[in-house]
Amino acid sequence: WARLDGASLVGANLDGASLVGARLDGANLVGARLVGAR
């Protein structure tokens, strides 16, 4: 349930992270790793 609207998450390693219900509207996830993330 994190509010990460418009966040710059370029190149982030969020493998296995839980982002259930998160707000990522307009977030920049270019090159991010979300392998196995929820």
PDB file of all heavy atoms in Angstrom:
ATOM      1  N   TRP A   1       0.803  -1.223   0.000  1.00  0.00           N
ATOM      2  CA  TRP A   1       0.000   0.000   0.000  1.00  0.00           C
ATOM      3  C   TRP A   1       0.845   1.286   0.000  1.00  0.00           C
ATOM      4  O   TRP A   1       0.354   2.358   0.336  1.00  0.00           O
ATOM      5  CB  TRP A   1      -0.982   0.032   1.172  1.00  0.00           C
ATOM      6  CG  TRP A   1      -1.961  -1.089   1.100  1.00  0.00           C
ATOM      7  CD1 TRP A   1      -1.971  -2.197   1.894  1.00  0.00           C
ATOM      8  CD2 TRP A   1      -3.043  -1.250   0.184  1.00  0.00           C
ATOM      9  NE1 TRP A   1      -2.993  -3.048   1.519  1.00  0.00           N
ATOM     10  CE2 TRP A   1      -3.670  -2.487   0.470  1.00  0.00           C
ATOM     11  CE3 TRP A   1      -3.540  -0.483  -0.868  1.00  0.00           C
ATOM     12  CZ2 TRP A   1      -4.761  -2.956  -0.240  1.00  0.00           C
ATOM     13  CZ3 TRP A   1      -4.630  -0.965  -1.571  1.00  0.00           C
ATOM     14  CH2 TRP A   1      -5.230  -2.181  -1.250  1.00  0.00           C
ATOM     15  N   ALA A   2       2.103   1.192  -0.392  1.00  0.00           N
ATOM     16  CA  ALA A   2       2.963   2.379  -0.432  1.00  0.00           C
ATOM     17  C   ALA A   2       2.477   3.363  -1.494  1.00  0.00           C
ATOM     18  O   ALA A   2       2.041   2.973  -2.563  1.00  0.00           O
ATOM     19  CB  ALA A   2       4.403   1.963  -0.723  1.00  0.00           C
ATOM     20  N   ARG A   3       2.579   4.638  -1.182  1.00  0.00           N
ATOM     21  CA  ARG A   3       2.236   5.696  -2.134  1.00  0.00           C
ATOM     22  C   ARG A   3       3.528   6.189  -2.775  1.00  0.00           C
ATOM     23  O   ARG A   3       4.247   6.981  -2.169  1.00  0.00           O
ATOM     24  CB  ARG A   3       1.507   6.819  -1.436  1.00  0.00           C
ATOM     25  CG  ARG A   3       0.136   6.389  -0.922  1.00  0.00           C
ATOM     26  CD  ARG A   3      -0.708   7.580  -0.548  1.00  0.00           C
ATOM     27  NE  ARG A   3      -0.799   8.504  -1.665  1.00  0.00           N
ATOM     28  CZ  ARG A   3      -1.892   8.712  -2.385  1.00  0.00           C
ATOM     29  NH1 ARG A   3      -2.989   8.064  -2.100  1.00  0.00           N
ATOM     30  NH2 ARG A   3      -1.892   9.574  -3.376  1.00  0.00           N
ATOM     31  N   LEU A   4       3.799   5.675  -3.973  1.00  0.00           N
ATOM     32  CA  LEU A   4       5.032   5.993  -4.680  1.00  0.00           C
ATOM     33  C   LEU A   4       4.750   6.643  -6.025  1.00  0.00           C
ATOM     34  O   LEU A   4       5.521   6.520  -6.972  1.00  0.00           O
ATOM     35  CB  LEU A   4       5.867   4.709  -4.855  1.00  0.00           C
ATOM     36  CG  LEU A   4       6.251   3.984  -3.566  1.00  0.00           C
ATOM     37  CD1 LEU A   4       6.888   2.642  -3.863  1.00  0.00           C
ATOM     38  CD2 LEU A   4       7.164   4.851  -2.717  1.00  0.00           C
ATOM     39  N   ASP A   5       3.646   7.386  -6.105  1.00  0.00           N
ATOM     40  CA  ASP A   5       3.265   8.082  -7.335  1.00  0.00           C
ATOM     41  C   ASP A   5       4.420   8.959  -7.815  1.00  0.00           C
ATOM     42  O   ASP A   5       4.948   9.752  -7.047  1.00  0.00           O
ATOM     43  CB  ASP A   5       2.052   8.985  -7.105  1.00  0.00           C
ATOM     44  CG  ASP A   5       0.896   8.285  -6.440  1.00  0.00           C
ATOM     45  OD1 ASP A   5       1.076   7.860  -5.291  1.00  0.00           O
ATOM     46  OD2 ASP A   5      -0.160   8.155  -7.056  1.00  0.00           O
ATOM     47  N   GLY A   6       4.807   8.792  -9.082  1.00  0.00           N
ATOM     48  CA  GLY A   6       5.838   9.640  -9.678  1.00  0.00           C
ATOM     49  C   GLY A   6       7.239   9.389  -9.151  1.00  0.00           C
ATOM     50  O   GLY A   6       8.149  10.152  -9.463  1.00  0.00           O
ATOM     51  N   ALA A   7       7.443   8.347  -8.381  1.00  0.00           N
ATOM     52  CA  ALA A   7       8.761   8.074  -7.805  1.00  0.00           C
ATOM     53  C   ALA A   7       9.770   7.708  -8.884  1.00  0.00           C
ATOM     54  O   ALA A   7       9.438   7.101  -9.897  1.00  0.00           O
ATOM     55  CB  ALA A   7       8.668   6.945  -6.782  1.00  0.00           C
ATOM     56  N   SER A   8      11.023   8.076  -8.657  1.00  0.00           N
ATOM     57  CA  SER A   8      12.114   7.694  -9.543  1.00  0.00           C
ATOM     58  C   SER A   8      12.755   6.433  -8.974  1.00  0.00           C
ATOM     59  O   SER A   8      13.474   6.487  -7.979  1.00  0.00           O
ATOM     60  CB  SER A   8      13.144   8.816  -9.640  1.00  0.00           C
ATOM     61  OG  SER A   8      14.216   8.386 -10.462  1.00  0.00           O
ATOM     62  N   LEU A   9      12.437   5.290  -9.592  1.00  0.00           N
ATOM     63  CA  LEU A   9      12.924   3.995  -9.131  1.00  0.00           C
ATOM     64  C   LEU A   9      13.800   3.351 -10.202  1.00  0.00           C
ATOM     65  O   LEU A   9      13.860   2.133 -10.332  1.00  0.00           O
ATOM     66  CB  LEU A   9      11.732   3.093  -8.785  1.00  0.00           C
ATOM     67  CG  LEU A   9      10.703   3.704  -7.820  1.00  0.00           C
ATOM     68  CD1 LEU A   9       9.519   2.772  -7.633  1.00  0.00           C
ATOM     69  CD2 LEU A   9      11.336   4.009  -6.474  1.00  0.00           C
ATOM     70  N   VAL A  10      14.506   4.171 -10.955  1.00  0.00           N
ATOM     71  CA  VAL A  10      15.350   3.719 -12.061  1.00  0.00           C
ATOM     72  C   VAL A  10      16.425   2.768 -11.534  1.00  0.00           C
ATOM     73  O   VAL A  10      17.158   3.093 -10.603  1.00  0.00           O
ATOM     74  CB  VAL A  10      16.013   4.918 -12.778  1.00  0.00           C
ATOM     75  CG1 VAL A  10      16.985   4.448 -13.845  1.00  0.00           C
ATOM     76  CG2 VAL A  10      14.955   5.829 -13.373  1.00  0.00           C
ATOM     77  N   GLY A  11      16.460   1.568 -12.130  1.00  0.00           N
ATOM     78  CA  GLY A  11      17.481   0.594 -11.777  1.00  0.00           C
ATOM     79  C   GLY A  11      17.332  -0.046 -10.411  1.00  0.00           C
ATOM     80  O   GLY A  11      18.229  -0.738  -9.957  1.00  0.00           O
ATOM     81  N   ALA A  12      16.204   0.164  -9.760  1.00  0.00           N
ATOM     82  CA  ALA A  12      15.995  -0.395  -8.416  1.00  0.00           C
ATOM     83  C   ALA A  12      15.983  -1.916  -8.445  1.00  0.00           C
ATOM     84  O   ALA A  12      15.519  -2.522  -9.405  1.00  0.00           O
ATOM     85  CB  ALA A  12      14.664   0.100  -7.851  1.00  0.00           C
ATOM     86  N   ASN A  13      16.486  -2.540  -7.396  1.00  0.00           N
ATOM     87  CA  ASN A  13      16.368  -3.986  -7.243  1.00  0.00           C
ATOM     88  C   ASN A  13      15.283  -4.245  -6.215  1.00  0.00           C
ATOM     89  O   ASN A  13      15.509  -4.114  -5.008  1.00  0.00           O
ATOM     90  CB  ASN A  13      17.685  -4.627  -6.798  1.00  0.00           C
ATOM     91  CG  ASN A  13      17.554  -6.135  -6.682  1.00  0.00           C
ATOM     92  OD1 ASN A  13      16.466  -6.697  -6.742  1.00  0.00           O
ATOM     93  ND2 ASN A  13      18.670  -6.807  -6.507  1.00  0.00           N
ATOM     94  N   LEU A  14      14.099  -4.594  -6.709  1.00  0.00           N
ATOM     95  CA  LEU A  14      12.953  -4.892  -5.853  1.00  0.00           C
ATOM     96  C   LEU A  14      12.518  -6.343  -6.050  1.00  0.00           C
ATOM     97  O   LEU A  14      11.344  -6.680  -5.899  1.00  0.00           O
ATOM     98  CB  LEU A  14      11.810  -3.921  -6.164  1.00  0.00           C
ATOM     99  CG  LEU A  14      12.087  -2.463  -5.797  1.00  0.00           C
ATOM    100  CD1 LEU A  14      11.103  -1.532  -6.476  1.00  0.00           C
ATOM    101  CD2 LEU A  14      12.044  -2.270  -4.293  1.00  0.00           C
ATOM    102  N   ASP A  15      13.483  -7.216  -6.369  1.00  0.00           N
ATOM    103  CA  ASP A  15      13.176  -8.633  -6.534  1.00  0.00           C
ATOM    104  C   ASP A  15      12.500  -9.159  -5.262  1.00  0.00           C
ATOM    105  O   ASP A  15      12.977  -8.906  -4.148  1.00  0.00           O
ATOM    106  CB  ASP A  15      14.449  -9.450  -6.777  1.00  0.00           C
ATOM    107  CG  ASP A  15      15.058  -9.225  -8.146  1.00  0.00           C
ATOM    108  OD1 ASP A  15      14.401  -8.617  -9.005  1.00  0.00           O
ATOM    109  OD2 ASP A  15      16.203  -9.679  -8.352  1.00  0.00           O
ATOM    110  N   GLY A  16      11.387  -9.856  -5.444  1.00  0.00           N
ATOM    111  CA  GLY A  16      10.690 -10.456  -4.317  1.00  0.00           C
ATOM    112  C   GLY A  16       9.989  -9.477  -3.391  1.00  0.00           C
ATOM    113  O   GLY A  16       9.442  -9.869  -2.362  1.00  0.00           O
ATOM    114  N   ALA A  17       9.986  -8.202  -3.736  1.00  0.00           N
ATOM    115  CA  ALA A  17       9.331  -7.198  -2.885  1.00  0.00           C
ATOM    116  C   ALA A  17       7.810  -7.352  -2.947  1.00  0.00           C
ATOM    117  O   ALA A  17       7.265  -7.849  -3.920  1.00  0.00           O
ATOM    118  CB  ALA A  17       9.726  -5.791  -3.328  1.00  0.00           C
ATOM    119  N   SER A  18       7.147  -6.915  -1.892  1.00  0.00           N
ATOM    120  CA  SER A  18       5.692  -6.908  -1.880  1.00  0.00           C
ATOM    121  C   SER A  18       5.212  -5.473  -2.046  1.00  0.00           C
ATOM    122  O   SER A  18       5.417  -4.630  -1.173  1.00  0.00           O
ATOM    123  CB  SER A  18       5.150  -7.485  -0.567  1.00  0.00           C
ATOM    124  OG  SER A  18       3.737  -7.514  -0.622  1.00  0.00           O
ATOM    125  N   LEU A  19       4.613  -5.217  -3.206  1.00  0.00           N
ATOM    126  CA  LEU A  19       4.051  -3.905  -3.537  1.00  0.00           C
ATOM    127  C   LEU A  19       2.549  -4.044  -3.737  1.00  0.00           C
ATOM    128  O   LEU A  19       1.951  -3.345  -4.550  1.00  0.00           O
ATOM    129  CB  LEU A  19       4.727  -3.359  -4.793  1.00  0.00           C
ATOM    130  CG  LEU A  19       6.199  -2.977  -4.601  1.00  0.00           C
ATOM    131  CD1 LEU A  19       7.041  -3.379  -5.781  1.00  0.00           C
ATOM    132  CD2 LEU A  19       6.306  -1.497  -4.335  1.00  0.00           C
ATOM    133  N   VAL A  20       1.938  -4.936  -2.992  1.00  0.00           N
ATOM    134  CA  VAL A  20       0.497  -5.184  -3.089  1.00  0.00           C
ATOM    135  C   VAL A  20      -0.259  -3.877  -2.835  1.00  0.00           C
ATOM    136  O   VAL A  20      -0.036  -3.201  -1.830  1.00  0.00           O
ATOM    137  CB  VAL A  20       0.051  -6.265  -2.085  1.00  0.00           C
ATOM    138  CG1 VAL A  20      -1.458  -6.421  -2.087  1.00  0.00           C
ATOM    139  CG2 VAL A  20       0.735  -7.595  -2.394  1.00  0.00           C
ATOM    140  N   GLY A  21      -1.114  -3.505  -3.785  1.00  0.00           N
ATOM    141  CA  GLY A  21      -1.931  -2.302  -3.641  1.00  0.00           C
ATOM    142  C   GLY A  21      -1.162  -0.997  -3.696  1.00  0.00           C
ATOM    143  O   GLY A  21      -1.722   0.065  -3.427  1.00  0.00           O
ATOM    144  N   ALA A  22       0.115  -1.038  -4.045  1.00  0.00           N
ATOM    145  CA  ALA A  22       0.932   0.186  -4.074  1.00  0.00           C
ATOM    146  C   ALA A  22       0.478   1.127  -5.182  1.00  0.00           C
ATOM    147  O   ALA A  22      -0.035   0.707  -6.208  1.00  0.00           O
ATOM    148  CB  ALA A  22       2.402  -0.172  -4.263  1.00  0.00           C
ATOM    149  N   ARG A  23       0.674   2.423  -4.950  1.00  0.00           N
ATOM    150  CA  ARG A  23       0.373   3.453  -5.948  1.00  0.00           C
ATOM    151  C   ARG A  23       1.683   3.825  -6.625  1.00  0.00           C
ATOM    152  O   ARG A  23       2.551   4.422  -6.002  1.00  0.00           O
ATOM    153  CB  ARG A  23      -0.219   4.690  -5.267  1.00  0.00           C
ATOM    154  CG  ARG A  23      -1.537   4.489  -4.561  1.00  0.00           C
ATOM    155  CD  ARG A  23      -2.721   4.494  -5.504  1.00  0.00           C
ATOM    156  NE  ARG A  23      -2.713   5.559  -6.464  1.00  0.00           N
ATOM    157  CZ  ARG A  23      -3.469   6.640  -6.412  1.00  0.00           C
ATOM    158  NH1 ARG A  23      -4.321   6.815  -5.437  1.00  0.00           N
ATOM    159  NH2 ARG A  23      -3.387   7.555  -7.356  1.00  0.00           N
ATOM    160  N   LEU A  24       1.822   3.444  -7.877  1.00  0.00           N
ATOM    161  CA  LEU A  24       3.021   3.709  -8.662  1.00  0.00           C
ATOM    162  C   LEU A  24       2.678   4.494  -9.924  1.00  0.00           C
ATOM    163  O   LEU A  24       3.379   4.421 -10.929  1.00  0.00           O
ATOM    164  CB  LEU A  24       3.708   2.386  -9.019  1.00  0.00           C
ATOM    165  CG  LEU A  24       4.302   1.626  -7.831  1.00  0.00           C
ATOM    166  CD1 LEU A  24       4.374   0.144  -8.105  1.00  0.00           C
ATOM    167  CD2 LEU A  24       5.667   2.191  -7.489  1.00  0.00           C
ATOM    168  N   ASP A  25       1.604   5.268  -9.885  1.00  0.00           N
ATOM    169  CA  ASP A  25       1.177   6.069 -11.031  1.00  0.00           C
ATOM    170  C   ASP A  25       2.332   6.964 -11.482  1.00  0.00           C
ATOM    171  O   ASP A  25       2.878   7.713 -10.684  1.00  0.00           O
ATOM    172  CB  ASP A  25       0.018   7.001 -10.668  1.00  0.00           C
ATOM    173  CG  ASP A  25      -1.123   6.307  -9.968  1.00  0.00           C
ATOM    174  OD1 ASP A  25      -0.849   5.578  -9.009  1.00  0.00           O
ATOM    175  OD2 ASP A  25      -2.272   6.509 -10.372  1.00  0.00           O
ATOM    176  N   GLY A  26       2.696   6.861 -12.745  1.00  0.00           N
ATOM    177  CA  GLY A  26       3.727   7.730 -13.296  1.00  0.00           C
ATOM    178  C   GLY A  26       5.125   7.470 -12.753  1.00  0.00           C
ATOM    179  O   GLY A  26       6.027   8.253 -13.007  1.00  0.00           O
ATOM    180  N   ALA A  27       5.330   6.381 -12.023  1.00  0.00           N
ATOM    181  CA  ALA A  27       6.660   6.078 -11.487  1.00  0.00           C
ATOM    182  C   ALA A  27       7.606   5.697 -12.618  1.00  0.00           C
ATOM    183  O   ALA A  27       7.200   5.140 -13.631  1.00  0.00           O
ATOM    184  CB  ALA A  27       6.574   4.940 -10.474  1.00  0.00           C
ATOM    185  N   ASN A  28       8.872   6.015 -12.435  1.00  0.00           N
ATOM    186  CA  ASN A  28       9.888   5.676 -13.424  1.00  0.00           C
ATOM    187  C   ASN A  28      10.615   4.420 -12.938  1.00  0.00           C
ATOM    188  O   ASN A  28      11.438   4.480 -12.034  1.00  0.00           O
ATOM    189  CB  ASN A  28      10.863   6.830 -13.594  1.00  0.00           C
ATOM    190  CG  ASN A  28      11.815   6.608 -14.746  1.00  0.00           C
ATOM    191  OD1 ASN A  28      11.928   5.496 -15.273  1.00  0.00           O
ATOM    192  ND2 ASN A  28      12.521   7.644 -15.132  1.00  0.00           N
ATOM    193  N   LEU A  29      10.270   3.282 -13.551  1.00  0.00           N
ATOM    194  CA  LEU A  29      10.850   1.984 -13.198  1.00  0.00           C
ATOM    195  C   LEU A  29      11.757   1.464 -14.307  1.00  0.00           C
ATOM    196  O   LEU A  29      11.954   0.259 -14.451  1.00  0.00           O
ATOM    197  CB  LEU A  29       9.720   0.983 -12.933  1.00  0.00           C
ATOM    198  CG  LEU A  29       8.917   1.253 -11.659  1.00  0.00           C
ATOM    199  CD1 LEU A  29       7.509   0.721 -11.782  1.00  0.00           C
ATOM    200  CD2 LEU A  29       9.616   0.656 -10.475  1.00  0.00           C
ATOM    201  N   VAL A  30      12.337   2.352 -15.090  1.00  0.00           N
ATOM    202  CA  VAL A  30      13.207   1.965 -16.191  1.00  0.00           C
ATOM    203  C   VAL A  30      14.379   1.146 -15.642  1.00  0.00           C
ATOM    204  O   VAL A  30      15.072   1.572 -14.721  1.00  0.00           O
ATOM    205  CB  VAL A  30      13.723   3.203 -16.967  1.00  0.00           C
ATOM    206  CG1 VAL A  30      14.802   2.818 -17.965  1.00  0.00           C
ATOM    207  CG2 VAL A  30      12.565   3.909 -17.664  1.00  0.00           C
ATOM    208  N   GLY A  31      14.542  -0.052 -16.202  1.00  0.00           N
ATOM    209  CA  GLY A  31      15.647  -0.911 -15.799  1.00  0.00           C
ATOM    210  C   GLY A  31      15.528  -1.515 -14.412  1.00  0.00           C
ATOM    211  O   GLY A  31      16.472  -2.126 -13.923  1.00  0.00           O
ATOM    212  N   ALA A  32      14.378  -1.366 -13.779  1.00  0.00           N
ATOM    213  CA  ALA A  32      14.198  -1.916 -12.424  1.00  0.00           C
ATOM    214  C   ALA A  32      14.029  -3.429 -12.472  1.00  0.00           C
ATOM    215  O   ALA A  32      13.563  -3.987 -13.467  1.00  0.00           O
ATOM    216  CB  ALA A  32      12.986  -1.280 -11.752  1.00  0.00           C
ATOM    217  N   ARG A  33      14.424  -4.087 -11.393  1.00  0.00           N
ATOM    218  CA  ARG A  33      14.242  -5.534 -11.249  1.00  0.00           C
ATOM    219  C   ARG A  33      13.102  -5.768 -10.264  1.00  0.00           C
ATOM    220  O   ARG A  33      13.187  -5.349  -9.110  1.00  0.00           O
ATOM    221  CB  ARG A  33      15.509  -6.197 -10.728  1.00  0.00           C
ATOM    222  CG  ARG A  33      16.634  -6.236 -11.747  1.00  0.00           C
ATOM    223  CD  ARG A  33      17.833  -6.994 -11.212  1.00  0.00           C
ATOM    224  NE  ARG A  33      17.462  -8.303 -10.691  1.00  0.00           N
ATOM    225  CZ  ARG A  33      17.482  -9.439 -11.387  1.00  0.00           C
ATOM    226  NH1 ARG A  33      17.868  -9.421 -12.640  1.00  0.00           N
ATOM    227  NH2 ARG A  33      17.128 -10.578 -10.833  1.00  0.00           N
ATOM    228  N   LEU A  34      12.069  -6.456 -10.754  1.00  0.00           N
ATOM    229  CA  LEU A  34      10.910  -6.810  -9.937  1.00  0.00           C
ATOM    230  C   LEU A  34      10.625  -8.305 -10.077  1.00  0.00           C
ATOM    231  O   LEU A  34       9.490  -8.746 -10.053  1.00  0.00           O
ATOM    232  CB  LEU A  34       9.705  -5.984 -10.376  1.00  0.00           C
ATOM    233  CG  LEU A  34       9.833  -4.481 -10.123  1.00  0.00           C
ATOM    234  CD1 LEU A  34       9.121  -3.683 -11.173  1.00  0.00           C
ATOM    235  CD2 LEU A  34       9.318  -4.141  -8.744  1.00  0.00           C
ATOM    236  N   VAL A  35      11.684  -9.092 -10.220  1.00  0.00           N
ATOM    237  CA  VAL A  35      11.563 -10.529 -10.402  1.00  0.00           C
ATOM    238  C   VAL A  35      10.908 -11.144  -9.165  1.00  0.00           C
ATOM    239  O   VAL A  35      11.374 -10.944  -8.040  1.00  0.00           O
ATOM    240  CB  VAL A  35      12.941 -11.176 -10.666  1.00  0.00           C
ATOM    241  CG1 VAL A  35      12.824 -12.688 -10.747  1.00  0.00           C
ATOM    242  CG2 VAL A  35      13.558 -10.605 -11.945  1.00  0.00           C
ATOM    243  N   GLY A  36       9.785 -11.838  -9.392  1.00  0.00           N
ATOM    244  CA  GLY A  36       9.082 -12.485  -8.285  1.00  0.00           C
ATOM    245  C   GLY A  36       8.384 -11.531  -7.330  1.00  0.00           C
ATOM    246  O   GLY A  36       7.923 -11.926  -6.267  1.00  0.00           O
ATOM    247  N   ALA A  37       8.268 -10.263  -7.714  1.00  0.00           N
ATOM    248  CA  ALA A  37       7.614  -9.278  -6.853  1.00  0.00           C
ATOM    249  C   ALA A  37       6.102  -9.467  -6.859  1.00  0.00           C
ATOM    250  O   ALA A  37       5.523  -9.972  -7.820  1.00  0.00           O
ATOM    251  CB  ALA A  37       7.960  -7.862  -7.309  1.00  0.00           C
ATOM    252  N   ARG A  38       5.462  -9.053  -5.775  1.00  0.00           N
ATOM    253  CA  ARG A  38       4.004  -9.084  -5.697  1.00  0.00           C
ATOM    254  C   ARG A  38       3.489  -7.677  -5.974  1.00  0.00           C
ATOM    255  O   ARG A  38       3.745  -6.757  -5.211  1.00  0.00           O
ATOM    256  CB  ARG A  38       3.569  -9.537  -4.305  1.00  0.00           C
ATOM    257  CG  ARG A  38       4.020 -10.963  -4.055  1.00  0.00           C
ATOM    258  CD  ARG A  38       3.155 -11.733  -3.118  1.00  0.00           C
ATOM    259  NE  ARG A  38       1.743 -11.556  -3.379  1.00  0.00           N
ATOM    260  CZ  ARG A  38       0.829 -11.616  -2.418  1.00  0.00           C
ATOM    261  NH1 ARG A  38       1.170 -11.838  -1.176  1.00  0.00           N
ATOM    262  NH2 ARG A  38      -0.442 -11.459  -2.715  1.00  0.00           N
TER     263      ARG A  38
END
